[in-house]
Amino acid sequence: MLTQNELAQVLAALNADPGPFSDILHILILTGQRRSEIGGLLWKEVDLERGLIIFPPERCKNGRQHELPISSQLKAILERQPKRNEWVWGCRWTSWSEPKVRLDKRLNGIAPWRLHDLRRSAATHLGELGVLPHLIEQILSHQSGHRAGVAGVYQRSKYPDQVREALQMWGTYVEGLTATAQVE
């Protein structure tokens, strides 16, 4: 898990080297989604009018459709992407290693970390901001905890308004980290 200061450093380094990898990592930070889900994002999964990314079951680890509300920060990233073909990034993004090595070289004082740590970081920081665990599980598309066993049979709410509010709060927080990191 990356600390607030480490996230700020990562964001500053990403802003210094704009491009698809930077945008993808920003989205991983803003959403806590898996890299394969965001790296393989298709335009048909993005509904800017409704403010949702809708991952079909075959693209989700748990095999269930996942509807992810779009924060204003995420919307800005998506809107600046050119629509060259069906893929948001022009193709399914699979080039993780080289750009991650380049990013790590620009970072100072951060212990070795993995891209999946951005998911853990988003979940942890959302909790620290007061977002309830069942909402974090919904954001991450987890089918455990309050959705496991009998509870999951009876309780099927996706909490769309609360999840949208939580992701917008997190997006604003991340935006603040970005501003702080650029000033230093």
N, C-alpha and C. Protein backbone atom coordinates (compact mmCIF):
# COMPACT_ATOMS: atom_id res chain seq x y z
N MET A 1 0.84 -1.17 0.00
CA MET A 1 0.00 0.00 0.00
C MET A 1 0.89 1.24 0.00
N LEU A 2 0.55 2.20 -0.84
CA LEU A 2 1.31 3.44 -0.90
C LEU A 2 0.72 4.45 0.07
N THR A 3 1.61 5.16 0.77
CA THR A 3 1.18 6.21 1.68
C THR A 3 0.70 7.41 0.89
N GLN A 4 0.13 8.37 1.59
CA GLN A 4 -0.32 9.61 0.96
C GLN A 4 0.86 10.28 0.24
N ASN A 5 2.01 10.37 0.90
CA ASN A 5 3.18 11.00 0.30
C ASN A 5 3.67 10.22 -0.92
N GLU A 6 3.67 8.90 -0.82
CA GLU A 6 4.11 8.08 -1.95
C GLU A 6 3.16 8.22 -3.14
N LEU A 7 1.86 8.25 -2.87
CA LEU A 7 0.89 8.47 -3.95
C LEU A 7 1.13 9.82 -4.62
N ALA A 8 1.40 10.85 -3.81
CA ALA A 8 1.67 12.18 -4.36
C ALA A 8 2.90 12.14 -5.26
N GLN A 9 3.93 11.41 -4.85
CA GLN A 9 5.14 11.28 -5.68
C GLN A 9 4.84 10.56 -6.99
N VAL A 10 4.08 9.50 -6.91
CA VAL A 10 3.72 8.75 -8.12
C VAL A 10 2.92 9.67 -9.06
N LEU A 11 1.97 10.39 -8.54
CA LEU A 11 1.15 11.28 -9.36
C LEU A 11 2.01 12.36 -10.02
N ALA A 12 2.95 12.94 -9.26
CA ALA A 12 3.83 13.96 -9.83
C ALA A 12 4.68 13.37 -10.96
N ALA A 13 5.19 12.17 -10.76
CA ALA A 13 6.01 11.52 -11.79
C ALA A 13 5.16 11.20 -13.02
N LEU A 14 3.93 10.77 -12.83
CA LEU A 14 3.04 10.49 -13.96
C LEU A 14 2.73 11.77 -14.73
N ASN A 15 2.51 12.86 -14.01
CA ASN A 15 2.20 14.13 -14.67
C ASN A 15 3.39 14.66 -15.46
N ALA A 16 4.60 14.30 -15.03
CA ALA A 16 5.81 14.74 -15.74
C ALA A 16 6.04 13.96 -17.03
N ASP A 17 5.34 12.86 -17.22
CA ASP A 17 5.51 12.01 -18.41
C ASP A 17 4.13 11.60 -18.93
N PRO A 18 3.38 12.57 -19.50
CA PRO A 18 2.01 12.26 -19.93
C PRO A 18 1.98 11.24 -21.07
N GLY A 19 0.86 10.57 -21.17
CA GLY A 19 0.65 9.58 -22.21
C GLY A 19 -0.29 8.51 -21.72
N PRO A 20 -0.52 7.49 -22.53
CA PRO A 20 -1.48 6.45 -22.15
C PRO A 20 -1.13 5.75 -20.83
N PHE A 21 0.13 5.41 -20.61
CA PHE A 21 0.50 4.72 -19.37
C PHE A 21 0.17 5.59 -18.16
N SER A 22 0.51 6.87 -18.26
CA SER A 22 0.20 7.81 -17.18
C SER A 22 -1.30 7.88 -16.94
N ASP A 23 -2.08 7.97 -18.02
CA ASP A 23 -3.54 8.04 -17.88
C ASP A 23 -4.11 6.76 -17.28
N ILE A 24 -3.58 5.61 -17.71
CA ILE A 24 -4.05 4.33 -17.17
C ILE A 24 -3.76 4.27 -15.67
N LEU A 25 -2.56 4.64 -15.26
CA LEU A 25 -2.23 4.59 -13.83
C LEU A 25 -3.06 5.59 -13.03
N HIS A 26 -3.31 6.76 -13.60
CA HIS A 26 -4.22 7.70 -12.92
C HIS A 26 -5.58 7.04 -12.68
N ILE A 27 -6.07 6.33 -13.70
CA ILE A 27 -7.37 5.67 -13.56
C ILE A 27 -7.30 4.54 -12.53
N LEU A 28 -6.20 3.81 -12.50
CA LEU A 28 -6.06 2.76 -11.48
C LEU A 28 -6.10 3.37 -10.09
N ILE A 29 -5.45 4.51 -9.92
CA ILE A 29 -5.47 5.19 -8.62
C ILE A 29 -6.87 5.69 -8.30
N LEU A 30 -7.54 6.29 -9.28
CA LEU A 30 -8.86 6.88 -9.05
C LEU A 30 -9.96 5.85 -8.81
N THR A 31 -9.78 4.63 -9.33
CA THR A 31 -10.86 3.66 -9.28
C THR A 31 -10.57 2.41 -8.46
N GLY A 32 -9.30 2.07 -8.28
CA GLY A 32 -8.97 0.83 -7.58
C GLY A 32 -9.28 -0.41 -8.41
N GLN A 33 -9.46 -0.26 -9.71
CA GLN A 33 -9.77 -1.42 -10.55
C GLN A 33 -8.49 -2.19 -10.88
N ARG A 34 -8.67 -3.38 -11.42
CA ARG A 34 -7.54 -4.21 -11.83
C ARG A 34 -6.94 -3.66 -13.12
N ARG A 35 -5.63 -3.83 -13.28
CA ARG A 35 -4.97 -3.29 -14.47
C ARG A 35 -5.51 -3.92 -15.75
N SER A 36 -5.88 -5.19 -15.70
CA SER A 36 -6.41 -5.83 -16.91
C SER A 36 -7.76 -5.23 -17.31
N GLU A 37 -8.54 -4.82 -16.34
CA GLU A 37 -9.85 -4.23 -16.63
C GLU A 37 -9.69 -2.86 -17.29
N ILE A 38 -8.78 -2.05 -16.75
CA ILE A 38 -8.57 -0.72 -17.31
C ILE A 38 -7.71 -0.79 -18.57
N GLY A 39 -6.70 -1.64 -18.57
CA GLY A 39 -5.85 -1.79 -19.75
C GLY A 39 -6.61 -2.32 -20.95
N GLY A 40 -7.67 -3.07 -20.72
CA GLY A 40 -8.48 -3.63 -21.80
C GLY A 40 -9.77 -2.88 -22.04
N LEU A 41 -9.86 -1.65 -21.54
CA LEU A 41 -11.11 -0.90 -21.60
C LEU A 41 -11.52 -0.61 -23.05
N LEU A 42 -12.77 -0.91 -23.34
CA LEU A 42 -13.37 -0.67 -24.66
C LEU A 42 -14.31 0.53 -24.57
N TRP A 43 -14.41 1.27 -25.68
CA TRP A 43 -15.32 2.41 -25.69
C TRP A 43 -16.76 2.00 -25.44
N LYS A 44 -17.15 0.81 -25.88
CA LYS A 44 -18.53 0.38 -25.67
C LYS A 44 -18.83 0.13 -24.18
N GLU A 45 -17.80 0.03 -23.35
CA GLU A 45 -17.98 -0.15 -21.90
C GLU A 45 -18.09 1.19 -21.16
N VAL A 46 -17.81 2.28 -21.87
CA VAL A 46 -17.81 3.62 -21.27
C VAL A 46 -19.11 4.32 -21.67
N ASP A 47 -19.89 4.73 -20.67
CA ASP A 47 -21.12 5.47 -20.90
C ASP A 47 -20.99 6.83 -20.20
N LEU A 48 -20.45 7.80 -20.94
CA LEU A 48 -20.23 9.11 -20.34
C LEU A 48 -21.53 9.82 -20.00
N GLU A 49 -22.58 9.57 -20.78
CA GLU A 49 -23.88 10.19 -20.50
C GLU A 49 -24.41 9.77 -19.13
N ARG A 50 -24.34 8.48 -18.85
CA ARG A 50 -24.82 7.97 -17.55
C ARG A 50 -23.74 8.05 -16.48
N GLY A 51 -22.52 8.35 -16.88
CA GLY A 51 -21.42 8.44 -15.92
C GLY A 51 -21.02 7.09 -15.36
N LEU A 52 -20.91 6.08 -16.24
CA LEU A 52 -20.58 4.72 -15.80
C LEU A 52 -19.58 4.06 -16.74
N ILE A 53 -18.76 3.20 -16.16
CA ILE A 53 -18.05 2.19 -16.93
C ILE A 53 -18.75 0.89 -16.58
N ILE A 54 -19.15 0.15 -17.60
CA ILE A 54 -19.87 -1.10 -17.37
C ILE A 54 -19.02 -2.25 -17.90
N PHE A 55 -18.38 -2.95 -16.96
CA PHE A 55 -17.55 -4.10 -17.31
C PHE A 55 -18.46 -5.32 -17.45
N PRO A 56 -18.45 -5.98 -18.60
CA PRO A 56 -19.28 -7.18 -18.77
C PRO A 56 -18.72 -8.34 -17.95
N PRO A 57 -19.54 -9.31 -17.64
CA PRO A 57 -19.12 -10.44 -16.79
C PRO A 57 -17.83 -11.12 -17.26
N GLU A 58 -17.66 -11.27 -18.56
CA GLU A 58 -16.48 -11.98 -19.07
C GLU A 58 -15.18 -11.21 -18.84
N ARG A 59 -15.27 -9.94 -18.48
CA ARG A 59 -14.06 -9.14 -18.21
C ARG A 59 -13.79 -8.96 -16.72
N CYS A 60 -14.63 -9.54 -15.89
CA CYS A 60 -14.48 -9.39 -14.44
C CYS A 60 -14.01 -10.69 -13.81
N LYS A 61 -13.12 -10.57 -12.86
CA LYS A 61 -12.56 -11.74 -12.20
C LYS A 61 -13.65 -12.61 -11.57
N ASN A 62 -14.69 -11.97 -11.02
CA ASN A 62 -15.75 -12.74 -10.35
C ASN A 62 -16.84 -13.20 -11.31
N GLY A 63 -16.72 -12.87 -12.59
CA GLY A 63 -17.70 -13.31 -13.59
C GLY A 63 -19.04 -12.60 -13.52
N ARG A 64 -19.08 -11.44 -12.86
CA ARG A 64 -20.33 -10.68 -12.74
C ARG A 64 -20.14 -9.29 -13.33
N GLN A 65 -21.17 -8.79 -13.97
CA GLN A 65 -21.11 -7.42 -14.50
C GLN A 65 -20.80 -6.45 -13.36
N HIS A 66 -19.97 -5.47 -13.69
CA HIS A 66 -19.58 -4.47 -12.69
C HIS A 66 -19.82 -3.08 -13.26
N GLU A 67 -20.64 -2.31 -12.57
CA GLU A 67 -20.91 -0.93 -12.97
C GLU A 67 -20.14 0.01 -12.06
N LEU A 68 -19.23 0.76 -12.66
CA LEU A 68 -18.36 1.66 -11.91
C LEU A 68 -18.72 3.12 -12.24
N PRO A 69 -19.19 3.88 -11.25
CA PRO A 69 -19.47 5.30 -11.49
C PRO A 69 -18.19 6.06 -11.85
N ILE A 70 -18.35 7.05 -12.70
CA ILE A 70 -17.23 7.85 -13.19
C ILE A 70 -17.19 9.17 -12.43
N SER A 71 -16.06 9.44 -11.76
CA SER A 71 -15.87 10.74 -11.11
C SER A 71 -15.54 11.79 -12.17
N SER A 72 -15.58 13.05 -11.79
CA SER A 72 -15.25 14.11 -12.76
C SER A 72 -13.80 14.00 -13.21
N GLN A 73 -12.91 13.56 -12.32
CA GLN A 73 -11.50 13.40 -12.68
C GLN A 73 -11.32 12.28 -13.70
N LEU A 74 -12.02 11.18 -13.50
CA LEU A 74 -11.96 10.06 -14.45
C LEU A 74 -12.57 10.47 -15.79
N LYS A 75 -13.67 11.18 -15.74
CA LYS A 75 -14.32 11.63 -16.97
C LYS A 75 -13.37 12.49 -17.80
N ALA A 76 -12.63 13.38 -17.15
CA ALA A 76 -11.69 14.25 -17.87
C ALA A 76 -10.62 13.42 -18.58
N ILE A 77 -10.13 12.37 -17.94
CA ILE A 77 -9.12 11.51 -18.56
C ILE A 77 -9.72 10.80 -19.77
N LEU A 78 -10.91 10.24 -19.61
CA LEU A 78 -11.55 9.52 -20.71
C LEU A 78 -11.88 10.44 -21.89
N GLU A 79 -12.35 11.64 -21.59
CA GLU A 79 -12.74 12.56 -22.66
C GLU A 79 -11.56 13.04 -23.50
N ARG A 80 -10.36 13.02 -22.97
CA ARG A 80 -9.21 13.49 -23.75
C ARG A 80 -8.57 12.38 -24.60
N GLN A 81 -9.10 11.16 -24.50
CA GLN A 81 -8.55 10.06 -25.30
C GLN A 81 -9.09 10.11 -26.71
N PRO A 82 -8.22 10.00 -27.72
CA PRO A 82 -8.71 9.96 -29.11
C PRO A 82 -9.45 8.65 -29.37
N LYS A 83 -10.50 8.73 -30.14
CA LYS A 83 -11.28 7.53 -30.47
C LYS A 83 -10.80 6.98 -31.82
N ARG A 84 -9.72 6.22 -31.76
CA ARG A 84 -9.12 5.67 -32.97
C ARG A 84 -9.78 4.36 -33.40
N ASN A 85 -10.23 3.59 -32.42
CA ASN A 85 -10.86 2.30 -32.70
C ASN A 85 -11.68 1.89 -31.49
N GLU A 86 -11.94 0.61 -31.32
CA GLU A 86 -12.80 0.15 -30.22
C GLU A 86 -12.15 0.25 -28.84
N TRP A 87 -10.81 0.32 -28.79
CA TRP A 87 -10.07 0.34 -27.53
C TRP A 87 -9.85 1.78 -27.06
N VAL A 88 -10.05 2.04 -25.79
CA VAL A 88 -9.81 3.38 -25.24
C VAL A 88 -8.35 3.79 -25.45
N TRP A 89 -7.42 2.83 -25.34
CA TRP A 89 -5.98 3.13 -25.45
C TRP A 89 -5.44 2.83 -26.85
N GLY A 90 -6.31 2.56 -27.81
CA GLY A 90 -5.90 2.23 -29.16
C GLY A 90 -5.67 0.75 -29.37
N CYS A 91 -5.50 0.00 -28.28
CA CYS A 91 -5.33 -1.45 -28.29
C CYS A 91 -5.48 -1.93 -26.84
N ARG A 92 -5.50 -3.24 -26.66
CA ARG A 92 -5.49 -3.77 -25.29
C ARG A 92 -4.10 -3.48 -24.73
N TRP A 93 -4.04 -2.73 -23.62
CA TRP A 93 -2.76 -2.33 -23.06
C TRP A 93 -2.12 -3.52 -22.35
N THR A 94 -0.94 -3.89 -22.82
CA THR A 94 -0.20 -5.01 -22.21
C THR A 94 1.24 -4.62 -21.91
N SER A 95 1.61 -3.38 -22.18
CA SER A 95 2.98 -2.91 -22.00
C SER A 95 3.17 -2.32 -20.61
N TRP A 96 3.27 -3.19 -19.62
CA TRP A 96 3.34 -2.72 -18.23
C TRP A 96 4.78 -2.57 -17.73
N SER A 97 5.66 -3.47 -18.09
CA SER A 97 6.99 -3.55 -17.47
C SER A 97 7.88 -2.35 -17.77
N GLU A 98 8.10 -2.04 -19.04
CA GLU A 98 9.02 -0.95 -19.39
C GLU A 98 8.57 0.40 -18.82
N PRO A 99 7.29 0.79 -19.01
CA PRO A 99 6.89 2.08 -18.44
C PRO A 99 6.96 2.10 -16.91
N LYS A 100 6.72 0.96 -16.27
CA LYS A 100 6.81 0.90 -14.80
C LYS A 100 8.25 1.09 -14.35
N VAL A 101 9.20 0.49 -15.06
CA VAL A 101 10.63 0.66 -14.74
C VAL A 101 11.01 2.13 -14.89
N ARG A 102 10.57 2.77 -15.98
CA ARG A 102 10.87 4.20 -16.19
C ARG A 102 10.26 5.05 -15.08
N LEU A 103 9.03 4.71 -14.68
CA LEU A 103 8.37 5.45 -13.60
C LEU A 103 9.16 5.29 -12.31
N ASP A 104 9.54 4.07 -11.98
CA ASP A 104 10.28 3.82 -10.74
C ASP A 104 11.59 4.60 -10.69
N LYS A 105 12.24 4.79 -11.82
CA LYS A 105 13.50 5.55 -11.86
C LYS A 105 13.29 7.02 -11.50
N ARG A 106 12.08 7.53 -11.74
CA ARG A 106 11.77 8.93 -11.44
C ARG A 106 11.31 9.14 -10.00
N LEU A 107 11.10 8.05 -9.27
CA LEU A 107 10.60 8.15 -7.90
C LEU A 107 11.76 8.08 -6.91
N ASN A 108 11.67 8.85 -5.85
CA ASN A 108 12.71 8.85 -4.81
C ASN A 108 12.14 8.39 -3.49
N GLY A 109 12.79 7.44 -2.88
CA GLY A 109 12.43 7.05 -1.52
C GLY A 109 11.18 6.19 -1.39
N ILE A 110 10.72 5.60 -2.46
CA ILE A 110 9.56 4.71 -2.37
C ILE A 110 10.08 3.28 -2.43
N ALA A 111 9.64 2.49 -1.46
CA ALA A 111 10.02 1.08 -1.45
C ALA A 111 9.46 0.41 -2.71
N PRO A 112 10.06 -0.69 -3.13
CA PRO A 112 9.53 -1.39 -4.31
C PRO A 112 8.02 -1.63 -4.17
N TRP A 113 7.32 -1.41 -5.27
CA TRP A 113 5.87 -1.55 -5.26
C TRP A 113 5.42 -2.12 -6.60
N ARG A 114 4.19 -2.64 -6.59
CA ARG A 114 3.59 -3.26 -7.78
C ARG A 114 2.35 -2.46 -8.17
N LEU A 115 1.94 -2.60 -9.40
CA LEU A 115 0.75 -1.88 -9.85
C LEU A 115 -0.48 -2.27 -9.04
N HIS A 116 -0.54 -3.52 -8.60
CA HIS A 116 -1.70 -3.96 -7.80
C HIS A 116 -1.76 -3.20 -6.47
N ASP A 117 -0.64 -2.65 -6.03
CA ASP A 117 -0.63 -1.85 -4.80
C ASP A 117 -1.50 -0.60 -4.94
N LEU A 118 -1.72 -0.13 -6.16
CA LEU A 118 -2.60 1.02 -6.36
C LEU A 118 -4.03 0.66 -5.98
N ARG A 119 -4.42 -0.58 -6.22
CA ARG A 119 -5.75 -1.08 -5.84
C ARG A 119 -5.87 -1.12 -4.31
N ARG A 120 -4.85 -1.69 -3.68
CA ARG A 120 -4.83 -1.74 -2.21
C ARG A 120 -4.83 -0.33 -1.61
N SER A 121 -4.06 0.54 -2.24
CA SER A 121 -3.97 1.92 -1.75
C SER A 121 -5.31 2.63 -1.84
N ALA A 122 -5.98 2.50 -2.98
CA ALA A 122 -7.29 3.14 -3.14
C ALA A 122 -8.25 2.62 -2.07
N ALA A 123 -8.28 1.31 -1.87
CA ALA A 123 -9.19 0.73 -0.88
C ALA A 123 -8.87 1.25 0.52
N THR A 124 -7.61 1.26 0.88
CA THR A 124 -7.22 1.69 2.22
C THR A 124 -7.51 3.17 2.43
N HIS A 125 -7.14 4.00 1.47
CA HIS A 125 -7.37 5.44 1.63
C HIS A 125 -8.86 5.78 1.60
N LEU A 126 -9.64 5.06 0.81
CA LEU A 126 -11.09 5.26 0.86
C LEU A 126 -11.61 4.98 2.27
N GLY A 127 -11.13 3.90 2.88
CA GLY A 127 -11.52 3.60 4.26
C GLY A 127 -11.11 4.70 5.22
N GLU A 128 -9.91 5.21 5.03
CA GLU A 128 -9.43 6.29 5.91
C GLU A 128 -10.22 7.58 5.72
N LEU A 129 -10.81 7.74 4.55
CA LEU A 129 -11.67 8.90 4.31
C LEU A 129 -13.08 8.70 4.86
N GLY A 130 -13.34 7.51 5.42
CA GLY A 130 -14.64 7.25 6.03
C GLY A 130 -15.61 6.47 5.17
N VAL A 131 -15.16 5.99 4.02
CA VAL A 131 -16.04 5.20 3.16
C VAL A 131 -16.24 3.84 3.82
N LEU A 132 -17.47 3.40 3.92
CA LEU A 132 -17.79 2.15 4.59
C LEU A 132 -17.29 0.94 3.81
N PRO A 133 -16.89 -0.12 4.53
CA PRO A 133 -16.31 -1.30 3.88
C PRO A 133 -17.18 -1.91 2.77
N HIS A 134 -18.50 -1.95 2.95
CA HIS A 134 -19.33 -2.55 1.91
C HIS A 134 -19.33 -1.72 0.63
N LEU A 135 -19.12 -0.41 0.75
CA LEU A 135 -19.03 0.43 -0.44
C LEU A 135 -17.68 0.23 -1.14
N ILE A 136 -16.63 0.07 -0.35
CA ILE A 136 -15.31 -0.21 -0.92
C ILE A 136 -15.35 -1.54 -1.66
N GLU A 137 -15.98 -2.54 -1.08
CA GLU A 137 -16.12 -3.84 -1.76
C GLU A 137 -16.87 -3.70 -3.07
N GLN A 138 -17.89 -2.86 -3.08
CA GLN A 138 -18.64 -2.63 -4.31
C GLN A 138 -17.76 -1.96 -5.36
N ILE A 139 -16.99 -0.96 -4.96
CA ILE A 139 -16.08 -0.28 -5.88
C ILE A 139 -15.09 -1.27 -6.48
N LEU A 140 -14.55 -2.16 -5.64
CA LEU A 140 -13.55 -3.13 -6.09
C LEU A 140 -14.17 -4.34 -6.81
N SER A 141 -15.48 -4.43 -6.80
CA SER A 141 -16.20 -5.57 -7.38
C SER A 141 -15.85 -6.87 -6.68
N HIS A 142 -15.76 -6.80 -5.37
CA HIS A 142 -15.52 -7.99 -4.56
C HIS A 142 -16.86 -8.64 -4.22
N GLN A 143 -16.88 -9.94 -4.16
CA GLN A 143 -18.09 -10.68 -3.80
C GLN A 143 -17.88 -11.39 -2.47
N SER A 144 -17.25 -10.72 -1.55
CA SER A 144 -16.98 -11.31 -0.23
C SER A 144 -17.65 -10.44 0.83
N GLY A 145 -17.34 -10.70 2.08
CA GLY A 145 -17.86 -9.87 3.16
C GLY A 145 -19.37 -9.84 3.18
N HIS A 146 -19.95 -8.66 3.00
CA HIS A 146 -21.41 -8.50 3.07
C HIS A 146 -22.13 -9.17 1.90
N ARG A 147 -21.43 -9.60 0.88
CA ARG A 147 -22.06 -10.26 -0.27
C ARG A 147 -21.83 -11.76 -0.28
N ALA A 148 -21.15 -12.26 0.72
CA ALA A 148 -20.85 -13.70 0.77
C ALA A 148 -22.01 -14.46 1.40
N GLY A 149 -22.11 -15.72 1.06
CA GLY A 149 -23.08 -16.62 1.68
C GLY A 149 -24.52 -16.15 1.55
N VAL A 150 -25.29 -16.38 2.60
CA VAL A 150 -26.71 -16.05 2.62
C VAL A 150 -26.93 -14.55 2.48
N ALA A 151 -26.06 -13.75 3.09
CA ALA A 151 -26.22 -12.29 3.00
C ALA A 151 -26.23 -11.83 1.55
N GLY A 152 -25.39 -12.43 0.72
CA GLY A 152 -25.33 -12.07 -0.69
C GLY A 152 -26.56 -12.49 -1.47
N VAL A 153 -27.28 -13.47 -0.97
CA VAL A 153 -28.51 -13.90 -1.62
C VAL A 153 -29.61 -12.87 -1.41
N TYR A 154 -29.66 -12.31 -0.22
CA TYR A 154 -30.72 -11.39 0.13
C TYR A 154 -30.40 -9.93 -0.20
N GLN A 155 -29.16 -9.54 0.01
CA GLN A 155 -28.79 -8.14 -0.15
C GLN A 155 -28.04 -7.97 -1.46
N ARG A 156 -28.68 -7.34 -2.44
CA ARG A 156 -28.07 -7.22 -3.77
C ARG A 156 -27.89 -5.78 -4.22
N SER A 157 -28.06 -4.83 -3.34
CA SER A 157 -27.91 -3.43 -3.73
C SER A 157 -26.47 -3.16 -4.18
N LYS A 158 -26.36 -2.32 -5.19
CA LYS A 158 -25.04 -1.90 -5.68
C LYS A 158 -24.70 -0.51 -5.15
N TYR A 159 -25.58 0.09 -4.36
CA TYR A 159 -25.35 1.39 -3.74
C TYR A 159 -24.84 2.43 -4.74
N PRO A 160 -25.50 2.62 -5.86
CA PRO A 160 -24.93 3.48 -6.91
C PRO A 160 -24.66 4.92 -6.47
N ASP A 161 -25.57 5.51 -5.74
CA ASP A 161 -25.37 6.91 -5.32
C ASP A 161 -24.23 7.04 -4.32
N GLN A 162 -24.17 6.11 -3.36
CA GLN A 162 -23.12 6.16 -2.35
C GLN A 162 -21.74 5.87 -2.95
N VAL A 163 -21.69 4.93 -3.91
CA VAL A 163 -20.42 4.60 -4.56
C VAL A 163 -19.96 5.79 -5.41
N ARG A 164 -20.88 6.41 -6.13
CA ARG A 164 -20.52 7.59 -6.93
C ARG A 164 -19.97 8.70 -6.03
N GLU A 165 -20.64 8.93 -4.92
CA GLU A 165 -20.19 9.95 -3.98
C GLU A 165 -18.81 9.62 -3.41
N ALA A 166 -18.59 8.36 -3.06
CA ALA A 166 -17.29 7.94 -2.53
C ALA A 166 -16.19 8.13 -3.56
N LEU A 167 -16.45 7.73 -4.81
CA LEU A 167 -15.42 7.87 -5.85
C LEU A 167 -15.16 9.33 -6.18
N GLN A 168 -16.17 10.17 -6.11
CA GLN A 168 -15.94 11.60 -6.35
C GLN A 168 -15.13 12.20 -5.21
N MET A 169 -15.43 11.81 -3.98
CA MET A 169 -14.66 12.29 -2.84
C MET A 169 -13.19 11.86 -2.98
N TRP A 170 -12.97 10.59 -3.36
CA TRP A 170 -11.62 10.07 -3.56
C TRP A 170 -10.94 10.82 -4.72
N GLY A 171 -11.65 11.06 -5.80
CA GLY A 171 -11.08 11.80 -6.93
C GLY A 171 -10.64 13.19 -6.53
N THR A 172 -11.43 13.86 -5.73
CA THR A 172 -11.08 15.20 -5.25
C THR A 172 -9.86 15.13 -4.34
N TYR A 173 -9.80 14.10 -3.50
CA TYR A 173 -8.65 13.90 -2.62
C TYR A 173 -7.38 13.68 -3.45
N VAL A 174 -7.46 12.81 -4.46
CA VAL A 174 -6.32 12.52 -5.33
C VAL A 174 -5.90 13.79 -6.08
N GLU A 175 -6.86 14.56 -6.53
CA GLU A 175 -6.58 15.82 -7.20
C GLU A 175 -5.80 16.74 -6.28
N GLY A 176 -6.15 16.76 -5.00
CA GLY A 176 -5.42 17.55 -4.01
C GLY A 176 -4.00 17.06 -3.83
N LEU A 177 -3.81 15.73 -3.85
CA LEU A 177 -2.46 15.18 -3.76
C LEU A 177 -1.63 15.60 -4.96
N THR A 178 -2.25 15.62 -6.12
CA THR A 178 -1.56 16.02 -7.35
C THR A 178 -1.12 17.47 -7.24
N ALA A 179 -2.01 18.34 -6.77
CA ALA A 179 -1.67 19.75 -6.64
C ALA A 179 -0.54 19.94 -5.64
N THR A 180 -0.58 19.22 -4.53
CA THR A 180 0.47 19.31 -3.51
C THR A 180 1.81 18.84 -4.07
N ALA A 181 1.78 17.75 -4.80
CA ALA A 181 3.02 17.19 -5.34
C ALA A 181 3.63 18.12 -6.38
N GLN A 182 2.82 18.84 -7.13
CA GLN A 182 3.35 19.73 -8.16
C GLN A 182 3.96 20.99 -7.54
N VAL A 183 3.47 21.40 -6.37
CA VAL A 183 3.96 22.59 -5.72
C VAL A 183 5.34 22.36 -5.10
N GLU A 184 5.57 21.15 -4.58
CA GLU A 184 6.82 20.85 -3.88
C GLU A 184 8.01 20.88 -4.79
